[in-house]
Amino acid sequence: MLQAQIFIDKNDLQGDRPLYEFIMQFLLLHQIKGATAYKGVMGFGVNQQMKRPEQIFSFDDPPIMITFIDEAVKVLEVLKQLRTQYKGGFIITHVVDPFDA
């Protein structure tokens, strides 16, 4: 199995809707096994500028991480299709094993 993580800013848009909603609907449409969007409290990216959206008087966009999991072939195909519609963000993948007790 493969897990993908997509890092974006909360206020990023795809057309006129929030990017995180667009991505979650895209994953649902492609019948991914499971996905979750997380709102970050603090973060930084390649620009090396710390974002603290919870701090008073901050105008920083909260970081968002969307993580999803499925069979490796399906995850890679969905990411390829997603990239045809959205080029931004930072995406990483990890091979994972389900835990069966």
PDB file of N, CA and C in Angstrom:
ATOM      1  N   MET A   1       0.848  -1.175   0.000  1.00  0.00           N
ATOM      2  CA  MET A   1       0.000   0.000   0.000  1.00  0.00           C
ATOM      3  C   MET A   1       0.887   1.230   0.000  1.00  0.00           C
ATOM      4  N   LEU A   2       0.312   2.315  -0.489  1.00  0.00           N
ATOM      5  CA  LEU A   2       1.052   3.567  -0.572  1.00  0.00           C
ATOM      6  C   LEU A   2       0.232   4.676   0.066  1.00  0.00           C
ATOM      7  N   GLN A   3       0.898   5.517   0.849  1.00  0.00           N
ATOM      8  CA  GLN A   3       0.267   6.687   1.448  1.00  0.00           C
ATOM      9  C   GLN A   3       0.847   7.920   0.772  1.00  0.00           C
ATOM     10  N   ALA A   4      -0.014   8.847   0.411  1.00  0.00           N
ATOM     11  CA  ALA A   4       0.426  10.121  -0.159  1.00  0.00           C
ATOM     12  C   ALA A   4       0.034  11.235   0.792  1.00  0.00           C
ATOM     13  N   GLN A   5       0.880  12.251   0.866  1.00  0.00           N
ATOM     14  CA  GLN A   5       0.583  13.436   1.665  1.00  0.00           C
ATOM     15  C   GLN A   5       0.766  14.655   0.775  1.00  0.00           C
ATOM     16  N   ILE A   6      -0.231  15.525   0.803  1.00  0.00           N
ATOM     17  CA  ILE A   6      -0.221  16.753  -0.004  1.00  0.00           C
ATOM     18  C   ILE A   6      -0.235  17.933   0.956  1.00  0.00           C
ATOM     19  N   PHE A   7       0.742  18.812   0.815  1.00  0.00           N
ATOM     20  CA  PHE A   7       0.863  19.992   1.681  1.00  0.00           C
ATOM     21  C   PHE A   7       0.480  21.235   0.896  1.00  0.00           C
ATOM     22  N   ILE A   8      -0.506  21.982   1.405  1.00  0.00           N
ATOM     23  CA  ILE A   8      -0.991  23.196   0.756  1.00  0.00           C
ATOM     24  C   ILE A   8      -1.321  24.234   1.828  1.00  0.00           C
ATOM     25  N   ASP A   9      -1.695  25.432   1.406  1.00  0.00           N
ATOM     26  CA  ASP A   9      -2.197  26.446   2.330  1.00  0.00           C
ATOM     27  C   ASP A   9      -3.717  26.387   2.333  1.00  0.00           C
ATOM     28  N   LYS A  10      -4.320  26.656   3.486  1.00  0.00           N
ATOM     29  CA  LYS A  10      -5.775  26.567   3.624  1.00  0.00           C
ATOM     30  C   LYS A  10      -6.513  27.481   2.658  1.00  0.00           C
ATOM     31  N   ASN A  11      -5.965  28.636   2.368  1.00  0.00           N
ATOM     32  CA  ASN A  11      -6.662  29.605   1.523  1.00  0.00           C
ATOM     33  C   ASN A  11      -6.380  29.443   0.033  1.00  0.00           C
ATOM     34  N   ASP A  12      -5.619  28.401  -0.366  1.00  0.00           N
ATOM     35  CA  ASP A  12      -5.402  28.137  -1.789  1.00  0.00           C
ATOM     36  C   ASP A  12      -6.735  27.757  -2.429  1.00  0.00           C
ATOM     37  N   LEU A  13      -6.926  28.204  -3.649  1.00  0.00           N
ATOM     38  CA  LEU A  13      -8.173  27.933  -4.363  1.00  0.00           C
ATOM     39  C   LEU A  13      -7.930  27.128  -5.626  1.00  0.00           C
ATOM     40  N   GLN A  14      -8.928  26.380  -6.012  1.00  0.00           N
ATOM     41  CA  GLN A  14      -8.991  25.732  -7.329  1.00  0.00           C
ATOM     42  C   GLN A  14     -10.255  26.274  -7.957  1.00  0.00           C
ATOM     43  N   GLY A  15     -10.100  27.231  -8.853  1.00  0.00           N
ATOM     44  CA  GLY A  15     -11.266  27.942  -9.366  1.00  0.00           C
ATOM     45  C   GLY A  15     -11.802  28.829  -8.263  1.00  0.00           C
ATOM     46  N   ASP A  16     -13.067  28.630  -7.910  1.00  0.00           N
ATOM     47  CA  ASP A  16     -13.676  29.460  -6.863  1.00  0.00           C
ATOM     48  C   ASP A  16     -13.925  28.695  -5.560  1.00  0.00           C
ATOM     49  N   ARG A  17     -13.361  27.484  -5.443  1.00  0.00           N
ATOM     50  CA  ARG A  17     -13.579  26.708  -4.219  1.00  0.00           C
ATOM     51  C   ARG A  17     -12.253  26.399  -3.527  1.00  0.00           C
ATOM     52  N   PRO A  18     -12.290  26.162  -2.220  1.00  0.00           N
ATOM     53  CA  PRO A  18     -11.054  25.841  -1.506  1.00  0.00           C
ATOM     54  C   PRO A  18     -10.373  24.612  -2.104  1.00  0.00           C
ATOM     55  N   LEU A  19      -9.061  24.705  -2.256  1.00  0.00           N
ATOM     56  CA  LEU A  19      -8.296  23.618  -2.863  1.00  0.00           C
ATOM     57  C   LEU A  19      -8.435  22.319  -2.081  1.00  0.00           C
ATOM     58  N   TYR A  20      -8.434  22.401  -0.742  1.00  0.00           N
ATOM     59  CA  TYR A  20      -8.532  21.167   0.044  1.00  0.00           C
ATOM     60  C   TYR A  20      -9.866  20.468  -0.211  1.00  0.00           C
ATOM     61  N   GLU A  21     -10.950  21.219  -0.412  1.00  0.00           N
ATOM     62  CA  GLU A  21     -12.242  20.601  -0.738  1.00  0.00           C
ATOM     63  C   GLU A  21     -12.195  19.964  -2.129  1.00  0.00           C
ATOM     64  N   PHE A  22     -11.582  20.677  -3.083  1.00  0.00           N
ATOM     65  CA  PHE A  22     -11.441  20.132  -4.433  1.00  0.00           C
ATOM     66  C   PHE A  22     -10.678  18.807  -4.397  1.00  0.00           C
ATOM     67  N   ILE A  23      -9.555  18.766  -3.659  1.00  0.00           N
ATOM     68  CA  ILE A  23      -8.745  17.546  -3.604  1.00  0.00           C
ATOM     69  C   ILE A  23      -9.510  16.418  -2.923  1.00  0.00           C
ATOM     70  N   MET A  24     -10.176  16.702  -1.817  1.00  0.00           N
ATOM     71  CA  MET A  24     -10.936  15.649  -1.128  1.00  0.00           C
ATOM     72  C   MET A  24     -12.047  15.095  -2.018  1.00  0.00           C
ATOM     73  N   GLN A  25     -12.760  15.962  -2.738  1.00  0.00           N
ATOM     74  CA  GLN A  25     -13.798  15.498  -3.666  1.00  0.00           C
ATOM     75  C   GLN A  25     -13.184  14.698  -4.817  1.00  0.00           C
ATOM     76  N   PHE A  26     -12.014  15.129  -5.294  1.00  0.00           N
ATOM     77  CA  PHE A  26     -11.298  14.426  -6.356  1.00  0.00           C
ATOM     78  C   PHE A  26     -10.951  13.003  -5.901  1.00  0.00           C
ATOM     79  N   LEU A  27     -10.466  12.868  -4.664  1.00  0.00           N
ATOM     80  CA  LEU A  27     -10.112  11.547  -4.126  1.00  0.00           C
ATOM     81  C   LEU A  27     -11.345  10.678  -3.943  1.00  0.00           C
ATOM     82  N   LEU A  28     -12.432  11.272  -3.487  1.00  0.00           N
ATOM     83  CA  LEU A  28     -13.692  10.542  -3.317  1.00  0.00           C
ATOM     84  C   LEU A  28     -14.212  10.064  -4.674  1.00  0.00           C
ATOM     85  N   LEU A  29     -14.170  10.943  -5.658  1.00  0.00           N
ATOM     86  CA  LEU A  29     -14.606  10.596  -7.016  1.00  0.00           C
ATOM     87  C   LEU A  29     -13.802   9.424  -7.586  1.00  0.00           C
ATOM     88  N   HIS A  30     -12.508   9.365  -7.238  1.00  0.00           N
ATOM     89  CA  HIS A  30     -11.648   8.288  -7.732  1.00  0.00           C
ATOM     90  C   HIS A  30     -11.611   7.075  -6.802  1.00  0.00           C
ATOM     91  N   GLN A  31     -12.537   7.049  -5.849  1.00  0.00           N
ATOM     92  CA  GLN A  31     -12.752   5.903  -4.957  1.00  0.00           C
ATOM     93  C   GLN A  31     -11.492   5.466  -4.210  1.00  0.00           C
ATOM     94  N   ILE A  32     -10.752   6.453  -3.700  1.00  0.00           N
ATOM     95  CA  ILE A  32      -9.601   6.163  -2.847  1.00  0.00           C
ATOM     96  C   ILE A  32     -10.118   5.545  -1.548  1.00  0.00           C
ATOM     97  N   LYS A  33      -9.377   4.608  -0.984  1.00  0.00           N
ATOM     98  CA  LYS A  33      -9.840   3.887   0.213  1.00  0.00           C
ATOM     99  C   LYS A  33     -10.090   4.791   1.405  1.00  0.00           C
ATOM    100  N   GLY A  34      -9.263   5.812   1.599  1.00  0.00           N
ATOM    101  CA  GLY A  34      -9.466   6.695   2.736  1.00  0.00           C
ATOM    102  C   GLY A  34      -8.592   7.929   2.635  1.00  0.00           C
ATOM    103  N   ALA A  35      -9.106   9.059   3.121  1.00  0.00           N
ATOM    104  CA  ALA A  35      -8.362  10.319   3.083  1.00  0.00           C
ATOM    105  C   ALA A  35      -8.781  11.196   4.256  1.00  0.00           C
ATOM    106  N   THR A  36      -7.853  12.005   4.742  1.00  0.00           N
ATOM    107  CA  THR A  36      -8.121  12.946   5.819  1.00  0.00           C
ATOM    108  C   THR A  36      -7.383  14.242   5.530  1.00  0.00           C
ATOM    109  N   ALA A  37      -8.031  15.369   5.827  1.00  0.00           N
ATOM    110  CA  ALA A  37      -7.390  16.684   5.717  1.00  0.00           C
ATOM    111  C   ALA A  37      -7.141  17.194   7.129  1.00  0.00           C
ATOM    112  N   TYR A  38      -5.913  17.634   7.384  1.00  0.00           N
ATOM    113  CA  TYR A  38      -5.507  18.146   8.694  1.00  0.00           C
ATOM    114  C   TYR A  38      -5.148  19.623   8.584  1.00  0.00           C
ATOM    115  N   LYS A  39      -5.589  20.406   9.561  1.00  0.00           N
ATOM    116  CA  LYS A  39      -5.217  21.827   9.628  1.00  0.00           C
ATOM    117  C   LYS A  39      -4.039  21.954  10.578  1.00  0.00           C
ATOM    118  N   GLY A  40      -2.962  22.578  10.102  1.00  0.00           N
ATOM    119  CA  GLY A  40      -1.763  22.732  10.917  1.00  0.00           C
ATOM    120  C   GLY A  40      -1.818  23.955  11.815  1.00  0.00           C
ATOM    121  N   VAL A  41      -1.127  23.877  12.934  1.00  0.00           N
ATOM    122  CA  VAL A  41      -1.055  25.000  13.861  1.00  0.00           C
ATOM    123  C   VAL A  41       0.123  25.905  13.527  1.00  0.00           C
ATOM    124  N   MET A  42       1.147  25.334  12.913  1.00  0.00           N
ATOM    125  CA  MET A  42       2.339  26.093  12.584  1.00  0.00           C
ATOM    126  C   MET A  42       3.074  25.335  11.482  1.00  0.00           C
ATOM    127  N   GLY A  43       3.814  26.058  10.646  1.00  0.00           N
ATOM    128  CA  GLY A  43       4.584  25.373   9.617  1.00  0.00           C
ATOM    129  C   GLY A  43       5.430  26.333   8.801  1.00  0.00           C
ATOM    130  N   PHE A  44       6.306  25.753   7.980  1.00  0.00           N
ATOM    131  CA  PHE A  44       7.069  26.537   7.027  1.00  0.00           C
ATOM    132  C   PHE A  44       7.385  25.660   5.836  1.00  0.00           C
ATOM    133  N   GLY A  45       7.703  26.295   4.727  1.00  0.00           N
ATOM    134  CA  GLY A  45       8.011  25.571   3.501  1.00  0.00           C
ATOM    135  C   GLY A  45       9.344  26.011   2.939  1.00  0.00           C
ATOM    136  N   VAL A  46       9.482  25.913   1.619  1.00  0.00           N
ATOM    137  CA  VAL A  46      10.749  26.225   0.967  1.00  0.00           C
ATOM    138  C   VAL A  46      11.183  27.673   1.167  1.00  0.00           C
ATOM    139  N   ASN A  47      10.227  28.557   1.453  1.00  0.00           N
ATOM    140  CA  ASN A  47      10.576  29.967   1.667  1.00  0.00           C
ATOM    141  C   ASN A  47      11.197  30.208   3.041  1.00  0.00           C
ATOM    142  N   GLN A  48      11.192  29.187   3.902  1.00  0.00           N
ATOM    143  CA  GLN A  48      11.786  29.255   5.237  1.00  0.00           C
ATOM    144  C   GLN A  48      11.182  30.350   6.119  1.00  0.00           C
ATOM    145  N   GLN A  49       9.911  30.701   5.888  1.00  0.00           N
ATOM    146  CA  GLN A  49       9.215  31.675   6.721  1.00  0.00           C
ATOM    147  C   GLN A  49       8.179  30.935   7.566  1.00  0.00           C
ATOM    148  N   MET A  50       8.322  31.066   8.879  1.00  0.00           N
ATOM    149  CA  MET A  50       7.407  30.378   9.794  1.00  0.00           C
ATOM    150  C   MET A  50       6.010  30.990   9.691  1.00  0.00           C
ATOM    151  N   LYS A  51       5.013  30.131   9.571  1.00  0.00           N
ATOM    152  CA  LYS A  51       3.614  30.566   9.550  1.00  0.00           C
ATOM    153  C   LYS A  51       2.999  30.184  10.884  1.00  0.00           C
ATOM    154  N   ARG A  52       2.406  31.171  11.541  1.00  0.00           N
ATOM    155  CA  ARG A  52       1.762  30.963  12.842  1.00  0.00           C
ATOM    156  C   ARG A  52       0.331  31.506  12.774  1.00  0.00           C
ATOM    157  N   PRO A  53      -0.563  30.816  12.093  1.00  0.00           N
ATOM    158  CA  PRO A  53      -1.916  31.344  11.898  1.00  0.00           C
ATOM    159  C   PRO A  53      -2.716  31.539  13.177  1.00  0.00           C
ATOM    160  N   GLU A  54      -2.382  30.833  14.237  1.00  0.00           N
ATOM    161  CA  GLU A  54      -3.130  30.936  15.482  1.00  0.00           C
ATOM    162  C   GLU A  54      -2.667  32.129  16.332  1.00  0.00           C
ATOM    163  N   GLN A  55      -1.532  32.712  15.962  1.00  0.00           N
ATOM    164  CA  GLN A  55      -0.985  33.826  16.740  1.00  0.00           C
ATOM    165  C   GLN A  55      -1.810  35.090  16.504  1.00  0.00           C
ATOM    166  N   ILE A  56      -1.971  35.886  17.536  1.00  0.00           N
ATOM    167  CA  ILE A  56      -2.765  37.107  17.440  1.00  0.00           C
ATOM    168  C   ILE A  56      -2.175  38.038  16.370  1.00  0.00           C
ATOM    169  N   PHE A  57      -3.012  38.668  15.608  1.00  0.00           N
ATOM    170  CA  PHE A  57      -2.660  39.590  14.525  1.00  0.00           C
ATOM    171  C   PHE A  57      -1.927  38.905  13.369  1.00  0.00           C
ATOM    172  N   SER A  58      -2.045  37.598  13.239  1.00  0.00           N
ATOM    173  CA  SER A  58      -1.385  36.892  12.142  1.00  0.00           C
ATOM    174  C   SER A  58      -2.295  36.863  10.914  1.00  0.00           C
ATOM    175  N   PHE A  59      -1.698  37.111   9.766  1.00  0.00           N
ATOM    176  CA  PHE A  59      -2.428  36.997   8.503  1.00  0.00           C
ATOM    177  C   PHE A  59      -1.955  35.776   7.718  1.00  0.00           C
ATOM    178  N   ASP A  60      -1.241  34.875   8.382  1.00  0.00           N
ATOM    179  CA  ASP A  60      -0.713  33.675   7.730  1.00  0.00           C
ATOM    180  C   ASP A  60      -1.832  32.692   7.390  1.00  0.00           C
ATOM    181  N   ASP A  61      -1.679  32.024   6.248  1.00  0.00           N
ATOM    182  CA  ASP A  61      -2.585  30.935   5.884  1.00  0.00           C
ATOM    183  C   ASP A  61      -2.231  29.707   6.705  1.00  0.00           C
ATOM    184  N   PRO A  62      -3.224  29.052   7.319  1.00  0.00           N
ATOM    185  CA  PRO A  62      -2.916  27.805   8.021  1.00  0.00           C
ATOM    186  C   PRO A  62      -2.437  26.751   7.026  1.00  0.00           C
ATOM    187  N   PRO A  63      -1.412  25.985   7.391  1.00  0.00           N
ATOM    188  CA  PRO A  63      -1.004  24.887   6.514  1.00  0.00           C
ATOM    189  C   PRO A  63      -2.047  23.762   6.587  1.00  0.00           C
ATOM    190  N   ILE A  64      -2.233  23.084   5.477  1.00  0.00           N
ATOM    191  CA  ILE A  64      -3.148  21.936   5.406  1.00  0.00           C
ATOM    192  C   ILE A  64      -2.356  20.749   4.870  1.00  0.00           C
ATOM    193  N   MET A  65      -2.573  19.580   5.467  1.00  0.00           N
ATOM    194  CA  MET A  65      -1.997  18.354   4.924  1.00  0.00           C
ATOM    195  C   MET A  65      -3.149  17.405   4.642  1.00  0.00           C
ATOM    196  N   ILE A  66      -3.203  16.924   3.428  1.00  0.00           N
ATOM    197  CA  ILE A  66      -4.184  15.908   3.048  1.00  0.00           C
ATOM    198  C   ILE A  66      -3.410  14.609   2.891  1.00  0.00           C
ATOM    199  N   THR A  67      -3.849  13.587   3.587  1.00  0.00           N
ATOM    200  CA  THR A  67      -3.191  12.290   3.482  1.00  0.00           C
ATOM    201  C   THR A  67      -4.210  11.256   3.005  1.00  0.00           C
ATOM    202  N   PHE A  68      -3.755  10.378   2.118  1.00  0.00           N
ATOM    203  CA  PHE A  68      -4.652   9.316   1.665  1.00  0.00           C
ATOM    204  C   PHE A  68      -3.857   8.050   1.380  1.00  0.00           C
ATOM    205  N   ILE A  69      -4.588   6.933   1.341  1.00  0.00           N
ATOM    206  CA  ILE A  69      -3.954   5.627   1.210  1.00  0.00           C
ATOM    207  C   ILE A  69      -4.770   4.726   0.295  1.00  0.00           C
ATOM    208  N   ASP A  70      -4.050   3.918  -0.473  1.00  0.00           N
ATOM    209  CA  ASP A  70      -4.681   2.918  -1.340  1.00  0.00           C
ATOM    210  C   ASP A  70      -3.559   2.045  -1.889  1.00  0.00           C
ATOM    211  N   GLU A  71      -3.916   1.189  -2.812  1.00  0.00           N
ATOM    212  CA  GLU A  71      -2.894   0.373  -3.479  1.00  0.00           C
ATOM    213  C   GLU A  71      -1.955   1.308  -4.248  1.00  0.00           C
ATOM    214  N   ALA A  72      -0.668   0.957  -4.316  1.00  0.00           N
ATOM    215  CA  ALA A  72       0.353   1.834  -4.893  1.00  0.00           C
ATOM    216  C   ALA A  72       0.011   2.281  -6.315  1.00  0.00           C
ATOM    217  N   VAL A  73      -0.413   1.374  -7.150  1.00  0.00           N
ATOM    218  CA  VAL A  73      -0.729   1.721  -8.540  1.00  0.00           C
ATOM    219  C   VAL A  73      -1.840   2.763  -8.603  1.00  0.00           C
ATOM    220  N   LYS A  74      -2.850   2.601  -7.763  1.00  0.00           N
ATOM    221  CA  LYS A  74      -3.980   3.535  -7.762  1.00  0.00           C
ATOM    222  C   LYS A  74      -3.564   4.907  -7.240  1.00  0.00           C
ATOM    223  N   VAL A  75      -2.777   4.952  -6.165  1.00  0.00           N
ATOM    224  CA  VAL A  75      -2.310   6.232  -5.617  1.00  0.00           C
ATOM    225  C   VAL A  75      -1.504   6.991  -6.667  1.00  0.00           C
ATOM    226  N   LEU A  76      -0.585   6.315  -7.325  1.00  0.00           N
ATOM    227  CA  LEU A  76       0.251   6.977  -8.331  1.00  0.00           C
ATOM    228  C   LEU A  76      -0.574   7.480  -9.514  1.00  0.00           C
ATOM    229  N   GLU A  77      -1.568   6.706  -9.929  1.00  0.00           N
ATOM    230  CA  GLU A  77      -2.426   7.130 -11.038  1.00  0.00           C
ATOM    231  C   GLU A  77      -3.269   8.345 -10.633  1.00  0.00           C
ATOM    232  N   VAL A  78      -3.819   8.336  -9.436  1.00  0.00           N
ATOM    233  CA  VAL A  78      -4.629   9.466  -8.961  1.00  0.00           C
ATOM    234  C   VAL A  78      -3.765  10.719  -8.845  1.00  0.00           C
ATOM    235  N   LEU A  79      -2.543  10.583  -8.336  1.00  0.00           N
ATOM    236  CA  LEU A  79      -1.647  11.744  -8.236  1.00  0.00           C
ATOM    237  C   LEU A  79      -1.315  12.297  -9.628  1.00  0.00           C
ATOM    238  N   LYS A  80      -1.102  11.400 -10.569  1.00  0.00           N
ATOM    239  CA  LYS A  80      -0.819  11.823 -11.954  1.00  0.00           C
ATOM    240  C   LYS A  80      -2.005  12.603 -12.517  1.00  0.00           C
ATOM    241  N   GLN A  81      -3.219  12.119 -12.289  1.00  0.00           N
ATOM    242  CA  GLN A  81      -4.418  12.804 -12.765  1.00  0.00           C
ATOM    243  C   GLN A  81      -4.630  14.132 -12.040  1.00  0.00           C
ATOM    244  N   LEU A  82      -4.359  14.150 -10.734  1.00  0.00           N
ATOM    245  CA  LEU A  82      -4.499  15.381  -9.967  1.00  0.00           C
ATOM    246  C   LEU A  82      -3.549  16.455 -10.494  1.00  0.00           C
ATOM    247  N   ARG A  83      -2.321  16.060 -10.841  1.00  0.00           N
ATOM    248  CA  ARG A  83      -1.333  17.014 -11.347  1.00  0.00           C
ATOM    249  C   ARG A  83      -1.745  17.632 -12.685  1.00  0.00           C
ATOM    250  N   THR A  84      -2.641  16.996 -13.417  1.00  0.00           N
ATOM    251  CA  THR A  84      -3.116  17.611 -14.664  1.00  0.00           C
ATOM    252  C   THR A  84      -4.054  18.780 -14.367  1.00  0.00           C
ATOM    253  N   GLN A  85      -4.616  18.810 -13.137  1.00  0.00           N
ATOM    254  CA  GLN A  85      -5.564  19.859 -12.768  1.00  0.00           C
ATOM    255  C   GLN A  85      -4.994  20.868 -11.778  1.00  0.00           C
ATOM    256  N   TYR A  86      -3.947  20.476 -11.040  1.00  0.00           N
ATOM    257  CA  TYR A  86      -3.348  21.367 -10.049  1.00  0.00           C
ATOM    258  C   TYR A  86      -1.854  21.079  -9.958  1.00  0.00           C
ATOM    259  N   LYS A  87      -1.030  22.094 -10.175  1.00  0.00           N
ATOM    260  CA  LYS A  87       0.423  21.910 -10.213  1.00  0.00           C
ATOM    261  C   LYS A  87       1.127  22.282  -8.912  1.00  0.00           C
ATOM    262  N   GLY A  88       0.473  23.002  -8.001  1.00  0.00           N
ATOM    263  CA  GLY A  88       1.119  23.499  -6.792  1.00  0.00           C
ATOM    264  C   GLY A  88       1.187  22.475  -5.681  1.00  0.00           C
ATOM    265  N   GLY A  89       1.502  22.983  -4.493  1.00  0.00           N
ATOM    266  CA  GLY A  89       1.597  22.119  -3.321  1.00  0.00           C
ATOM    267  C   GLY A  89       2.854  21.273  -3.356  1.00  0.00           C
ATOM    268  N   PHE A  90       3.038  20.510  -2.313  1.00  0.00           N
ATOM    269  CA  PHE A  90       4.182  19.612  -2.182  1.00  0.00           C
ATOM    270  C   PHE A  90       3.624  18.243  -1.863  1.00  0.00           C
ATOM    271  N   ILE A  91       4.014  17.220  -2.622  1.00  0.00           N
ATOM    272  CA  ILE A  91       3.465  15.882  -2.457  1.00  0.00           C
ATOM    273  C   ILE A  91       4.591  14.898  -2.159  1.00  0.00           C
ATOM    274  N   ILE A  92       4.368  14.065  -1.143  1.00  0.00           N
ATOM    275  CA  ILE A  92       5.296  12.981  -0.842  1.00  0.00           C
ATOM    276  C   ILE A  92       4.504  11.680  -0.751  1.00  0.00           C
ATOM    277  N   THR A  93       5.201  10.566  -0.902  1.00  0.00           N
ATOM    278  CA  THR A  93       4.568   9.253  -0.762  1.00  0.00           C
ATOM    279  C   THR A  93       5.417   8.375   0.149  1.00  0.00           C
ATOM    280  N   HIS A  94       4.747   7.428   0.810  1.00  0.00           N
ATOM    281  CA  HIS A  94       5.409   6.458   1.685  1.00  0.00           C
ATOM    282  C   HIS A  94       4.789   5.092   1.447  1.00  0.00           C
ATOM    283  N   VAL A  95       5.623   4.082   1.405  1.00  0.00           N
ATOM    284  CA  VAL A  95       5.100   2.722   1.414  1.00  0.00           C
ATOM    285  C   VAL A  95       4.683   2.412   2.842  1.00  0.00           C
ATOM    286  N   VAL A  96       3.489   1.874   3.011  1.00  0.00           N
ATOM    287  CA  VAL A  96       2.968   1.553   4.345  1.00  0.00           C
ATOM    288  C   VAL A  96       2.424   0.131   4.390  1.00  0.00           C
ATOM    289  N   ASP A  97       2.394  -0.412   5.573  1.00  0.00           N
ATOM    290  CA  ASP A  97       1.818  -1.734   5.795  1.00  0.00           C
ATOM    291  C   ASP A  97       0.650  -1.590   6.763  1.00  0.00           C
ATOM    292  N   PRO A  98      -0.514  -2.174   6.452  1.00  0.00           N
ATOM    293  CA  PRO A  98      -1.628  -2.139   7.400  1.00  0.00           C
ATOM    294  C   PRO A  98      -1.264  -2.952   8.643  1.00  0.00           C
ATOM    295  N   PHE A  99      -1.688  -2.481   9.791  1.00  0.00           N
ATOM    296  CA  PHE A  99      -1.436  -3.185  11.044  1.00  0.00           C
ATOM    297  C   PHE A  99      -2.619  -4.091  11.355  1.00  0.00           C
ATOM    298  N   ASP A 100      -2.377  -5.358  11.370  1.00  0.00           N
ATOM    299  CA  ASP A 100      -3.410  -6.339  11.724  1.00  0.00           C
ATOM    300  C   ASP A 100      -2.993  -7.004  13.017  1.00  0.00           C
ATOM    301  N   ALA A 101      -3.745  -6.758  14.069  1.00  0.00           N
ATOM    302  CA  ALA A 101      -3.398  -7.315  15.384  1.00  0.00           C
ATOM    303  C   ALA A 101      -3.767  -8.773  15.481  1.00  0.00           C
TER     304      ALA A 101
END
